Amino acid sequence: FPTGCKFWTRCPLKQEVCTQVEPELVEIAPGHHCRCHFVKPDA
């Protein structure tokens, strides 16, 4: 498996941070959790 995000080798949104840092699973909206650098609760 690649370092960083497990999906970056196939992801259309990948950037350098994806290859180095694995994102956390965070709550974006009530009951909705996501593991992605580009999906933020405040966005």
PDB file of all heavy atoms in Angstrom:
ATOM      1  N   PHE A   1       0.836  -1.191   0.000  1.00  0.00           N
ATOM      2  CA  PHE A   1       0.000   0.000   0.000  1.00  0.00           C
ATOM      3  C   PHE A   1       0.878   1.250   0.000  1.00  0.00           C
ATOM      4  O   PHE A   1       1.954   1.273   0.613  1.00  0.00           O
ATOM      5  CB  PHE A   1      -0.905   0.034   1.231  1.00  0.00           C
ATOM      6  CG  PHE A   1      -2.165  -0.766   1.077  1.00  0.00           C
ATOM      7  CD1 PHE A   1      -2.531  -1.709   2.036  1.00  0.00           C
ATOM      8  CD2 PHE A   1      -2.995  -0.577  -0.014  1.00  0.00           C
ATOM      9  CE1 PHE A   1      -3.690  -2.445   1.894  1.00  0.00           C
ATOM     10  CE2 PHE A   1      -4.158  -1.324  -0.157  1.00  0.00           C
ATOM     11  CZ  PHE A   1      -4.498  -2.256   0.793  1.00  0.00           C
ATOM     12  N   PRO A   2       0.434   2.304  -0.665  1.00  0.00           N
ATOM     13  CA  PRO A   2       1.242   3.527  -0.704  1.00  0.00           C
ATOM     14  C   PRO A   2       1.254   4.234   0.645  1.00  0.00           C
ATOM     15  O   PRO A   2       0.380   4.032   1.479  1.00  0.00           O
ATOM     16  CB  PRO A   2       0.525   4.378  -1.758  1.00  0.00           C
ATOM     17  CG  PRO A   2      -0.902   3.908  -1.704  1.00  0.00           C
ATOM     18  CD  PRO A   2      -0.824   2.447  -1.414  1.00  0.00           C
ATOM     19  N   THR A   3       2.269   5.062   0.859  1.00  0.00           N
ATOM     20  CA  THR A   3       2.277   5.916   2.041  1.00  0.00           C
ATOM     21  C   THR A   3       1.244   7.020   1.857  1.00  0.00           C
ATOM     22  O   THR A   3       0.787   7.293   0.754  1.00  0.00           O
ATOM     23  CB  THR A   3       3.671   6.543   2.251  1.00  0.00           C
ATOM     24  OG1 THR A   3       4.019   7.277   1.057  1.00  0.00           O
ATOM     25  CG2 THR A   3       4.713   5.468   2.502  1.00  0.00           C
ATOM     26  N   GLY A   4       0.890   7.671   2.957  1.00  0.00           N
ATOM     27  CA  GLY A   4      -0.116   8.718   2.893  1.00  0.00           C
ATOM     28  C   GLY A   4      -1.501   8.128   2.720  1.00  0.00           C
ATOM     29  O   GLY A   4      -1.819   7.065   3.257  1.00  0.00           O
ATOM     30  N   CYS A   5      -2.348   8.803   1.964  1.00  0.00           N
ATOM     31  CA  CYS A   5      -3.703   8.332   1.709  1.00  0.00           C
ATOM     32  C   CYS A   5      -3.653   7.043   0.886  1.00  0.00           C
ATOM     33  O   CYS A   5      -2.917   6.958  -0.099  1.00  0.00           O
ATOM     34  CB  CYS A   5      -4.501   9.406   0.964  1.00  0.00           C
ATOM     35  SG  CYS A   5      -6.160   8.877   0.489  1.00  0.00           S
ATOM     36  N   LYS A   6      -4.443   6.051   1.275  1.00  0.00           N
ATOM     37  CA  LYS A   6      -4.433   4.769   0.568  1.00  0.00           C
ATOM     38  C   LYS A   6      -4.986   4.891  -0.848  1.00  0.00           C
ATOM     39  O   LYS A   6      -4.715   4.041  -1.702  1.00  0.00           O
ATOM     40  CB  LYS A   6      -5.279   3.755   1.355  1.00  0.00           C
ATOM     41  CG  LYS A   6      -4.702   3.383   2.716  1.00  0.00           C
ATOM     42  CD  LYS A   6      -3.412   2.598   2.588  1.00  0.00           C
ATOM     43  CE  LYS A   6      -2.926   2.080   3.938  1.00  0.00           C
ATOM     44  NZ  LYS A   6      -2.475   3.162   4.825  1.00  0.00           N
ATOM     45  N   PHE A   7      -5.737   5.946  -1.126  1.00  0.00           N
ATOM     46  CA  PHE A   7      -6.427   6.060  -2.410  1.00  0.00           C
ATOM     47  C   PHE A   7      -5.712   6.994  -3.385  1.00  0.00           C
ATOM     48  O   PHE A   7      -6.149   7.106  -4.536  1.00  0.00           O
ATOM     49  CB  PHE A   7      -7.863   6.549  -2.167  1.00  0.00           C
ATOM     50  CG  PHE A   7      -8.744   6.550  -3.395  1.00  0.00           C
ATOM     51  CD1 PHE A   7      -9.028   5.369  -4.072  1.00  0.00           C
ATOM     52  CD2 PHE A   7      -9.298   7.725  -3.866  1.00  0.00           C
ATOM     53  CE1 PHE A   7      -9.833   5.370  -5.195  1.00  0.00           C
ATOM     54  CE2 PHE A   7     -10.111   7.731  -4.988  1.00  0.00           C
ATOM     55  CZ  PHE A   7     -10.383   6.548  -5.660  1.00  0.00           C
ATOM     56  N   TRP A   8      -4.607   7.605  -3.004  1.00  0.00           N
ATOM     57  CA  TRP A   8      -4.067   8.682  -3.841  1.00  0.00           C
ATOM     58  C   TRP A   8      -3.592   8.201  -5.208  1.00  0.00           C
ATOM     59  O   TRP A   8      -3.614   8.966  -6.182  1.00  0.00           O
ATOM     60  CB  TRP A   8      -2.951   9.438  -3.124  1.00  0.00           C
ATOM     61  CG  TRP A   8      -1.601   8.762  -3.038  1.00  0.00           C
ATOM     62  CD1 TRP A   8      -1.093   8.085  -1.983  1.00  0.00           C
ATOM     63  CD2 TRP A   8      -0.582   8.737  -4.046  1.00  0.00           C
ATOM     64  NE1 TRP A   8       0.177   7.622  -2.255  1.00  0.00           N
ATOM     65  CE2 TRP A   8       0.505   8.010  -3.518  1.00  0.00           C
ATOM     66  CE3 TRP A   8      -0.482   9.255  -5.340  1.00  0.00           C
ATOM     67  CZ2 TRP A   8       1.681   7.779  -4.232  1.00  0.00           C
ATOM     68  CZ3 TRP A   8       0.694   9.026  -6.059  1.00  0.00           C
ATOM     69  CH2 TRP A   8       1.758   8.296  -5.512  1.00  0.00           C
ATOM     70  N   THR A   9      -3.205   6.924  -5.344  1.00  0.00           N
ATOM     71  CA  THR A   9      -2.732   6.431  -6.642  1.00  0.00           C
ATOM     72  C   THR A   9      -3.848   6.369  -7.678  1.00  0.00           C
ATOM     73  O   THR A   9      -3.572   6.247  -8.874  1.00  0.00           O
ATOM     74  CB  THR A   9      -2.127   5.028  -6.488  1.00  0.00           C
ATOM     75  OG1 THR A   9      -3.101   4.134  -5.927  1.00  0.00           O
ATOM     76  CG2 THR A   9      -0.903   5.063  -5.570  1.00  0.00           C
ATOM     77  N   ARG A  10      -5.103   6.491  -7.250  1.00  0.00           N
ATOM     78  CA  ARG A  10      -6.236   6.416  -8.171  1.00  0.00           C
ATOM     79  C   ARG A  10      -7.126   7.658  -8.091  1.00  0.00           C
ATOM     80  O   ARG A  10      -8.175   7.704  -8.733  1.00  0.00           O
ATOM     81  CB  ARG A  10      -7.069   5.175  -7.855  1.00  0.00           C
ATOM     82  CG  ARG A  10      -6.277   3.895  -7.823  1.00  0.00           C
ATOM     83  CD  ARG A  10      -7.118   2.729  -7.359  1.00  0.00           C
ATOM     84  NE  ARG A  10      -8.114   2.349  -8.343  1.00  0.00           N
ATOM     85  CZ  ARG A  10      -9.098   1.499  -8.114  1.00  0.00           C
ATOM     86  NH1 ARG A  10      -9.243   0.956  -6.913  1.00  0.00           N
ATOM     87  NH2 ARG A  10      -9.964   1.207  -9.062  1.00  0.00           N
ATOM     88  N   CYS A  11      -6.739   8.620  -7.297  1.00  0.00           N
ATOM     89  CA  CYS A  11      -7.624   9.746  -6.989  1.00  0.00           C
ATOM     90  C   CYS A  11      -7.418  10.919  -7.946  1.00  0.00           C
ATOM     91  O   CYS A  11      -6.280  11.364  -8.166  1.00  0.00           O
ATOM     92  CB  CYS A  11      -7.363  10.211  -5.551  1.00  0.00           C
ATOM     93  SG  CYS A  11      -8.444  11.576  -5.044  1.00  0.00           S
ATOM     94  N   PRO A  12      -8.493  11.481  -8.508  1.00  0.00           N
ATOM     95  CA  PRO A  12      -8.365  12.633  -9.408  1.00  0.00           C
ATOM     96  C   PRO A  12      -8.009  13.924  -8.679  1.00  0.00           C
ATOM     97  O   PRO A  12      -7.625  14.901  -9.324  1.00  0.00           O
ATOM     98  CB  PRO A  12      -9.754  12.724 -10.051  1.00  0.00           C
ATOM     99  CG  PRO A  12     -10.674  12.135  -9.030  1.00  0.00           C
ATOM    100  CD  PRO A  12      -9.897  11.039  -8.379  1.00  0.00           C
ATOM    101  N   LEU A  13      -8.129  13.965  -7.353  1.00  0.00           N
ATOM    102  CA  LEU A  13      -7.860  15.182  -6.589  1.00  0.00           C
ATOM    103  C   LEU A  13      -6.480  15.185  -5.935  1.00  0.00           C
ATOM    104  O   LEU A  13      -6.144  16.118  -5.213  1.00  0.00           O
ATOM    105  CB  LEU A  13      -8.912  15.352  -5.485  1.00  0.00           C
ATOM    106  CG  LEU A  13     -10.371  15.403  -5.917  1.00  0.00           C
ATOM    107  CD1 LEU A  13     -11.274  15.520  -4.697  1.00  0.00           C
ATOM    108  CD2 LEU A  13     -10.627  16.546  -6.881  1.00  0.00           C
ATOM    109  N   LYS A  14      -5.668  14.186  -6.182  1.00  0.00           N
ATOM    110  CA  LYS A  14      -4.430  14.010  -5.431  1.00  0.00           C
ATOM    111  C   LYS A  14      -3.488  15.193  -5.592  1.00  0.00           C
ATOM    112  O   LYS A  14      -3.364  15.787  -6.662  1.00  0.00           O
ATOM    113  CB  LYS A  14      -3.710  12.730  -5.844  1.00  0.00           C
ATOM    114  CG  LYS A  14      -3.212  12.692  -7.281  1.00  0.00           C
ATOM    115  CD  LYS A  14      -2.482  11.379  -7.546  1.00  0.00           C
ATOM    116  CE  LYS A  14      -1.961  11.308  -8.974  1.00  0.00           C
ATOM    117  NZ  LYS A  14      -3.049  11.176  -9.951  1.00  0.00           N
ATOM    118  N   GLN A  15      -2.850  15.525  -4.460  1.00  0.00           N
ATOM    119  CA  GLN A  15      -1.781  16.508  -4.419  1.00  0.00           C
ATOM    120  C   GLN A  15      -0.653  15.946  -3.572  1.00  0.00           C
ATOM    121  O   GLN A  15      -0.750  14.844  -3.026  1.00  0.00           O
ATOM    122  CB  GLN A  15      -2.299  17.835  -3.859  1.00  0.00           C
ATOM    123  CG  GLN A  15      -3.359  18.492  -4.750  1.00  0.00           C
ATOM    124  CD  GLN A  15      -3.762  19.862  -4.257  1.00  0.00           C
ATOM    125  OE1 GLN A  15      -3.036  20.503  -3.504  1.00  0.00           O
ATOM    126  NE2 GLN A  15      -4.929  20.316  -4.691  1.00  0.00           N
ATOM    127  N   GLU A  16       0.411  16.703  -3.421  1.00  0.00           N
ATOM    128  CA  GLU A  16       1.593  16.180  -2.746  1.00  0.00           C
ATOM    129  C   GLU A  16       1.300  15.746  -1.321  1.00  0.00           C
ATOM    130  O   GLU A  16       1.830  14.744  -0.839  1.00  0.00           O
ATOM    131  CB  GLU A  16       2.709  17.231  -2.747  1.00  0.00           C
ATOM    132  CG  GLU A  16       4.020  16.699  -2.185  1.00  0.00           C
ATOM    133  CD  GLU A  16       5.143  17.715  -2.293  1.00  0.00           C
ATOM    134  OE1 GLU A  16       4.924  18.788  -2.876  1.00  0.00           O
ATOM    135  OE2 GLU A  16       6.237  17.418  -1.781  1.00  0.00           O
ATOM    136  N   VAL A  17       0.434  16.501  -0.621  1.00  0.00           N
ATOM    137  CA  VAL A  17       0.134  16.152   0.760  1.00  0.00           C
ATOM    138  C   VAL A  17      -0.476  14.752   0.850  1.00  0.00           C
ATOM    139  O   VAL A  17      -0.270  14.028   1.837  1.00  0.00           O
ATOM    140  CB  VAL A  17      -0.801  17.196   1.390  1.00  0.00           C
ATOM    141  CG1 VAL A  17      -2.172  17.210   0.699  1.00  0.00           C
ATOM    142  CG2 VAL A  17      -0.977  16.952   2.880  1.00  0.00           C
ATOM    143  N   CYS A  18      -1.224  14.330  -0.166  1.00  0.00           N
ATOM    144  CA  CYS A  18      -1.874  13.020  -0.153  1.00  0.00           C
ATOM    145  C   CYS A  18      -0.850  11.888  -0.154  1.00  0.00           C
ATOM    146  O   CYS A  18      -1.097  10.825   0.419  1.00  0.00           O
ATOM    147  CB  CYS A  18      -2.793  12.874  -1.353  1.00  0.00           C
ATOM    148  SG  CYS A  18      -4.031  14.181  -1.517  1.00  0.00           S
ATOM    149  N   THR A  19       0.291  12.116  -0.796  1.00  0.00           N
ATOM    150  CA  THR A  19       1.298  11.062  -0.895  1.00  0.00           C
ATOM    151  C   THR A  19       2.130  10.923   0.367  1.00  0.00           C
ATOM    152  O   THR A  19       2.861   9.943   0.508  1.00  0.00           O
ATOM    153  CB  THR A  19       2.235  11.346  -2.076  1.00  0.00           C
ATOM    154  OG1 THR A  19       2.996  12.534  -1.802  1.00  0.00           O
ATOM    155  CG2 THR A  19       1.450  11.558  -3.361  1.00  0.00           C
ATOM    156  N   GLN A  20       2.007  11.886   1.283  1.00  0.00           N
ATOM    157  CA  GLN A  20       2.870  11.887   2.463  1.00  0.00           C
ATOM    158  C   GLN A  20       2.112  11.749   3.774  1.00  0.00           C
ATOM    159  O   GLN A  20       2.618  11.143   4.725  1.00  0.00           O
ATOM    160  CB  GLN A  20       3.687  13.188   2.485  1.00  0.00           C
ATOM    161  CG  GLN A  20       4.595  13.356   1.273  1.00  0.00           C
ATOM    162  CD  GLN A  20       5.259  14.718   1.252  1.00  0.00           C
ATOM    163  OE1 GLN A  20       5.047  15.545   2.134  1.00  0.00           O
ATOM    164  NE2 GLN A  20       6.079  14.965   0.237  1.00  0.00           N
ATOM    165  N   VAL A  21       0.919  12.305   3.851  1.00  0.00           N
ATOM    166  CA  VAL A  21       0.176  12.348   5.118  1.00  0.00           C
ATOM    167  C   VAL A  21      -1.166  11.658   4.932  1.00  0.00           C
ATOM    168  O   VAL A  21      -1.947  12.022   4.036  1.00  0.00           O
ATOM    169  CB  VAL A  21      -0.048  13.805   5.583  1.00  0.00           C
ATOM    170  CG1 VAL A  21      -0.821  13.818   6.897  1.00  0.00           C
ATOM    171  CG2 VAL A  21       1.276  14.538   5.715  1.00  0.00           C
ATOM    172  N   GLU A  22      -1.431  10.684   5.776  1.00  0.00           N
ATOM    173  CA  GLU A  22      -2.734  10.024   5.713  1.00  0.00           C
ATOM    174  C   GLU A  22      -3.771  10.860   6.456  1.00  0.00           C
ATOM    175  O   GLU A  22      -3.564  11.210   7.621  1.00  0.00           O
ATOM    176  CB  GLU A  22      -2.667   8.622   6.326  1.00  0.00           C
ATOM    177  CG  GLU A  22      -3.977   7.870   6.174  1.00  0.00           C
ATOM    178  CD  GLU A  22      -3.818   6.391   6.464  1.00  0.00           C
ATOM    179  OE1 GLU A  22      -3.059   6.049   7.379  1.00  0.00           O
ATOM    180  OE2 GLU A  22      -4.459   5.593   5.768  1.00  0.00           O
ATOM    181  N   PRO A  23      -4.891  11.173   5.814  1.00  0.00           N
ATOM    182  CA  PRO A  23      -5.914  11.986   6.489  1.00  0.00           C
ATOM    183  C   PRO A  23      -6.629  11.198   7.579  1.00  0.00           C
ATOM    184  O   PRO A  23      -6.690   9.965   7.539  1.00  0.00           O
ATOM    185  CB  PRO A  23      -6.876  12.358   5.354  1.00  0.00           C
ATOM    186  CG  PRO A  23      -6.700  11.278   4.340  1.00  0.00           C
ATOM    187  CD  PRO A  23      -5.264  10.846   4.422  1.00  0.00           C
ATOM    188  N   GLU A  24      -7.173  11.922   8.540  1.00  0.00           N
ATOM    189  CA  GLU A  24      -7.955  11.310   9.611  1.00  0.00           C
ATOM    190  C   GLU A  24      -9.423  11.195   9.178  1.00  0.00           C
ATOM    191  O   GLU A  24      -9.890  11.931   8.297  1.00  0.00           O
ATOM    192  CB  GLU A  24      -7.864  12.154  10.882  1.00  0.00           C
ATOM    193  CG  GLU A  24      -6.462  12.267  11.468  1.00  0.00           C
ATOM    194  CD  GLU A  24      -5.966  10.953  12.017  1.00  0.00           C
ATOM    195  OE1 GLU A  24      -6.801  10.162  12.509  1.00  0.00           O
ATOM    196  OE2 GLU A  24      -4.748  10.708  11.951  1.00  0.00           O
ATOM    197  N   LEU A  25     -10.114  10.278   9.810  1.00  0.00           N
ATOM    198  CA  LEU A  25     -11.565  10.154   9.592  1.00  0.00           C
ATOM    199  C   LEU A  25     -12.244  11.171  10.508  1.00  0.00           C
ATOM    200  O   LEU A  25     -12.251  11.015  11.729  1.00  0.00           O
ATOM    201  CB  LEU A  25     -12.026   8.738   9.922  1.00  0.00           C
ATOM    202  CG  LEU A  25     -13.499   8.408   9.648  1.00  0.00           C
ATOM    203  CD1 LEU A  25     -13.794   8.440   8.150  1.00  0.00           C
ATOM    204  CD2 LEU A  25     -13.854   7.037  10.220  1.00  0.00           C
ATOM    205  N   VAL A  26     -12.795  12.238   9.930  1.00  0.00           N
ATOM    206  CA  VAL A  26     -13.361  13.325  10.726  1.00  0.00           C
ATOM    207  C   VAL A  26     -14.831  13.522  10.377  1.00  0.00           C
ATOM    208  O   VAL A  26     -15.298  13.165   9.285  1.00  0.00           O
ATOM    209  CB  VAL A  26     -12.597  14.653  10.487  1.00  0.00           C
ATOM    210  CG1 VAL A  26     -11.150  14.518  10.933  1.00  0.00           C
ATOM    211  CG2 VAL A  26     -12.651  15.066   9.024  1.00  0.00           C
ATOM    212  N   GLU A  27     -15.578  14.077  11.309  1.00  0.00           N
ATOM    213  CA  GLU A  27     -17.006  14.322  11.120  1.00  0.00           C
ATOM    214  C   GLU A  27     -17.194  15.631  10.358  1.00  0.00           C
ATOM    215  O   GLU A  27     -16.869  16.708  10.845  1.00  0.00           O
ATOM    216  CB  GLU A  27     -17.725  14.366  12.466  1.00  0.00           C
ATOM    217  CG  GLU A  27     -19.238  14.389  12.331  1.00  0.00           C
ATOM    218  CD  GLU A  27     -19.945  14.154  13.648  1.00  0.00           C
ATOM    219  OE1 GLU A  27     -19.351  14.439  14.709  1.00  0.00           O
ATOM    220  OE2 GLU A  27     -21.091  13.677  13.637  1.00  0.00           O
ATOM    221  N   ILE A  28     -17.723  15.528   9.163  1.00  0.00           N
ATOM    222  CA  ILE A  28     -17.925  16.693   8.302  1.00  0.00           C
ATOM    223  C   ILE A  28     -19.273  17.350   8.595  1.00  0.00           C
ATOM    224  O   ILE A  28     -19.397  18.575   8.623  1.00  0.00           O
ATOM    225  CB  ILE A  28     -17.867  16.279   6.818  1.00  0.00           C
ATOM    226  CG1 ILE A  28     -16.566  15.517   6.525  1.00  0.00           C
ATOM    227  CG2 ILE A  28     -18.001  17.494   5.909  1.00  0.00           C
ATOM    228  CD1 ILE A  28     -15.308  16.277   6.855  1.00  0.00           C
ATOM    229  N   ALA A  29     -20.259  16.534   8.817  1.00  0.00           N
ATOM    230  CA  ALA A  29     -21.612  16.971   9.180  1.00  0.00           C
ATOM    231  C   ALA A  29     -22.128  15.963  10.193  1.00  0.00           C
ATOM    232  O   ALA A  29     -21.537  14.895  10.349  1.00  0.00           O
ATOM    233  CB  ALA A  29     -22.497  17.031   7.936  1.00  0.00           C
ATOM    234  N   PRO A  30     -23.201  16.286  10.907  1.00  0.00           N
ATOM    235  CA  PRO A  30     -23.701  15.348  11.918  1.00  0.00           C
ATOM    236  C   PRO A  30     -23.910  13.943  11.352  1.00  0.00           C
ATOM    237  O   PRO A  30     -24.698  13.743  10.415  1.00  0.00           O
ATOM    238  CB  PRO A  30     -25.028  15.978  12.359  1.00  0.00           C
ATOM    239  CG  PRO A  30     -24.818  17.437  12.150  1.00  0.00           C
ATOM    240  CD  PRO A  30     -23.982  17.543  10.905  1.00  0.00           C
ATOM    241  N   GLY A  31     -23.172  12.981  11.888  1.00  0.00           N
ATOM    242  CA  GLY A  31     -23.298  11.600  11.463  1.00  0.00           C
ATOM    243  C   GLY A  31     -22.600  11.255  10.168  1.00  0.00           C
ATOM    244  O   GLY A  31     -22.656  10.111   9.720  1.00  0.00           O
ATOM    245  N   HIS A  32     -21.931  12.225   9.538  1.00  0.00           N
ATOM    246  CA  HIS A  32     -21.273  11.991   8.251  1.00  0.00           C
ATOM    247  C   HIS A  32     -19.766  12.204   8.422  1.00  0.00           C
ATOM    248  O   HIS A  32     -19.301  13.327   8.594  1.00  0.00           O
ATOM    249  CB  HIS A  32     -21.837  12.945   7.191  1.00  0.00           C
ATOM    250  CG  HIS A  32     -21.548  12.506   5.788  1.00  0.00           C
ATOM    251  ND1 HIS A  32     -22.393  12.804   4.732  1.00  0.00           N
ATOM    252  CD2 HIS A  32     -20.535  11.783   5.248  1.00  0.00           C
ATOM    253  CE1 HIS A  32     -21.901  12.289   3.616  1.00  0.00           C
ATOM    254  NE2 HIS A  32     -20.759  11.677   3.913  1.00  0.00           N
ATOM    255  N   HIS A  33     -19.000  11.100   8.364  1.00  0.00           N
ATOM    256  CA  HIS A  33     -17.549  11.134   8.547  1.00  0.00           C
ATOM    257  C   HIS A  33     -16.853  10.832   7.231  1.00  0.00           C
ATOM    258  O   HIS A  33     -17.328  10.027   6.436  1.00  0.00           O
ATOM    259  CB  HIS A  33     -17.109  10.107   9.598  1.00  0.00           C
ATOM    260  CG  HIS A  33     -17.649  10.369  10.975  1.00  0.00           C
ATOM    261  ND1 HIS A  33     -18.976  10.145  11.307  1.00  0.00           N
ATOM    262  CD2 HIS A  33     -17.035  10.815  12.103  1.00  0.00           C
ATOM    263  CE1 HIS A  33     -19.161  10.443  12.589  1.00  0.00           C
ATOM    264  NE2 HIS A  33     -18.003  10.850  13.086  1.00  0.00           N
ATOM    265  N   CYS A  34     -15.695  11.467   7.024  1.00  0.00           N
ATOM    266  CA  CYS A  34     -14.958  11.278   5.781  1.00  0.00           C
ATOM    267  C   CYS A  34     -13.459  11.380   6.055  1.00  0.00           C
ATOM    268  O   CYS A  34     -13.021  12.150   6.918  1.00  0.00           O
ATOM    269  CB  CYS A  34     -15.395  12.313   4.739  1.00  0.00           C
ATOM    270  SG  CYS A  34     -14.591  12.139   3.130  1.00  0.00           S
ATOM    271  N   ARG A  35     -12.675  10.602   5.281  1.00  0.00           N
ATOM    272  CA  ARG A  35     -11.215  10.603   5.401  1.00  0.00           C
ATOM    273  C   ARG A  35     -10.629  11.188   4.110  1.00  0.00           C
ATOM    274  O   ARG A  35     -10.336  10.463   3.150  1.00  0.00           O
ATOM    275  CB  ARG A  35     -10.702   9.178   5.619  1.00  0.00           C
ATOM    276  CG  ARG A  35      -9.215   9.069   5.942  1.00  0.00           C
ATOM    277  CD  ARG A  35      -8.759   7.618   5.924  1.00  0.00           C
ATOM    278  NE  ARG A  35      -9.449   6.801   6.899  1.00  0.00           N
ATOM    279  CZ  ARG A  35      -9.083   6.675   8.178  1.00  0.00           C
ATOM    280  NH1 ARG A  35      -8.006   7.315   8.615  1.00  0.00           N
ATOM    281  NH2 ARG A  35      -9.768   5.905   9.006  1.00  0.00           N
ATOM    282  N   CYS A  36     -10.495  12.514   4.065  1.00  0.00           N
ATOM    283  CA  CYS A  36      -9.956  13.175   2.868  1.00  0.00           C
ATOM    284  C   CYS A  36      -9.415  14.543   3.245  1.00  0.00           C
ATOM    285  O   CYS A  36     -10.060  15.281   4.005  1.00  0.00           O
ATOM    286  CB  CYS A  36     -11.042  13.302   1.799  1.00  0.00           C
ATOM    287  SG  CYS A  36     -10.483  14.092   0.263  1.00  0.00           S
ATOM    288  N   HIS A  37      -8.246  14.900   2.697  1.00  0.00           N
ATOM    289  CA  HIS A  37      -7.656  16.216   2.991  1.00  0.00           C
ATOM    290  C   HIS A  37      -8.492  17.360   2.444  1.00  0.00           C
ATOM    291  O   HIS A  37      -8.396  18.494   2.939  1.00  0.00           O
ATOM    292  CB  HIS A  37      -6.245  16.303   2.382  1.00  0.00           C
ATOM    293  CG  HIS A  37      -5.234  15.452   3.067  1.00  0.00           C
ATOM    294  ND1 HIS A  37      -4.887  15.623   4.394  1.00  0.00           N
ATOM    295  CD2 HIS A  37      -4.493  14.404   2.610  1.00  0.00           C
ATOM    296  CE1 HIS A  37      -3.959  14.722   4.727  1.00  0.00           C
ATOM    297  NE2 HIS A  37      -3.707  13.978   3.662  1.00  0.00           N
ATOM    298  N   PHE A  38      -9.309  17.108   1.428  1.00  0.00           N
ATOM    299  CA  PHE A  38      -9.998  18.188   0.741  1.00  0.00           C
ATOM    300  C   PHE A  38     -11.478  18.274   1.087  1.00  0.00           C
ATOM    301  O   PHE A  38     -12.248  18.962   0.426  1.00  0.00           O
ATOM    302  CB  PHE A  38      -9.819  18.030  -0.774  1.00  0.00           C
ATOM    303  CG  PHE A  38      -8.375  17.955  -1.168  1.00  0.00           C
ATOM    304  CD1 PHE A  38      -7.834  16.774  -1.628  1.00  0.00           C
ATOM    305  CD2 PHE A  38      -7.542  19.046  -1.015  1.00  0.00           C
ATOM    306  CE1 PHE A  38      -6.496  16.686  -1.961  1.00  0.00           C
ATOM    307  CE2 PHE A  38      -6.201  18.970  -1.336  1.00  0.00           C
ATOM    308  CZ  PHE A  38      -5.678  17.788  -1.814  1.00  0.00           C
ATOM    309  N   VAL A  39     -11.891  17.570   2.122  1.00  0.00           N
ATOM    310  CA  VAL A  39     -13.253  17.678   2.627  1.00  0.00           C
ATOM    311  C   VAL A  39     -13.148  18.128   4.073  1.00  0.00           C
ATOM    312  O   VAL A  39     -12.710  17.385   4.939  1.00  0.00           O
ATOM    313  CB  VAL A  39     -14.000  16.330   2.541  1.00  0.00           C
ATOM    314  CG1 VAL A  39     -15.425  16.487   3.047  1.00  0.00           C
ATOM    315  CG2 VAL A  39     -14.008  15.819   1.113  1.00  0.00           C
ATOM    316  N   LYS A  40     -13.514  19.389   4.319  1.00  0.00           N
ATOM    317  CA  LYS A  40     -13.334  19.988   5.640  1.00  0.00           C
ATOM    318  C   LYS A  40     -14.684  20.317   6.280  1.00  0.00           C
ATOM    319  O   LYS A  40     -15.620  20.719   5.587  1.00  0.00           O
ATOM    320  CB  LYS A  40     -12.521  21.287   5.539  1.00  0.00           C
ATOM    321  CG  LYS A  40     -11.172  21.120   4.838  1.00  0.00           C
ATOM    322  CD  LYS A  40     -10.217  20.293   5.661  1.00  0.00           C
ATOM    323  CE  LYS A  40      -8.841  20.244   5.006  1.00  0.00           C
ATOM    324  NZ  LYS A  40      -7.897  19.397   5.761  1.00  0.00           N
ATOM    325  N   PRO A  41     -14.779  20.198   7.609  1.00  0.00           N
ATOM    326  CA  PRO A  41     -16.043  20.546   8.280  1.00  0.00           C
ATOM    327  C   PRO A  41     -16.456  21.989   8.048  1.00  0.00           C
ATOM    328  O   PRO A  41     -17.636  22.290   7.898  1.00  0.00           O
ATOM    329  CB  PRO A  41     -15.740  20.287   9.757  1.00  0.00           C
ATOM    330  CG  PRO A  41     -14.616  19.309   9.746  1.00  0.00           C
ATOM    331  CD  PRO A  41     -13.801  19.628   8.534  1.00  0.00           C
ATOM    332  N   ASP A  42     -15.489  22.904   7.986  1.00  0.00           N
ATOM    333  CA  ASP A  42     -15.833  24.325   7.832  1.00  0.00           C
ATOM    334  C   ASP A  42     -16.073  24.713   6.385  1.00  0.00           C
ATOM    335  O   ASP A  42     -16.401  25.852   6.084  1.00  0.00           O
ATOM    336  CB  ASP A  42     -14.725  25.201   8.425  1.00  0.00           C
ATOM    337  CG  ASP A  42     -13.363  24.923   7.795  1.00  0.00           C
ATOM    338  OD1 ASP A  42     -13.268  24.014   6.945  1.00  0.00           O
ATOM    339  OD2 ASP A  42     -12.396  25.614   8.158  1.00  0.00           O
ATOM    340  N   ALA A  43     -15.925  23.743   5.458  1.00  0.00           N
ATOM    341  CA  ALA A  43     -16.108  24.053   4.047  1.00  0.00           C
ATOM    342  C   ALA A  43     -17.417  23.498   3.491  1.00  0.00           C
ATOM    343  O   ALA A  43     -17.683  23.593   2.312  1.00  0.00           O
ATOM    344  CB  ALA A  43     -14.940  23.500   3.228  1.00  0.00           C
TER     345      ALA A  43
END
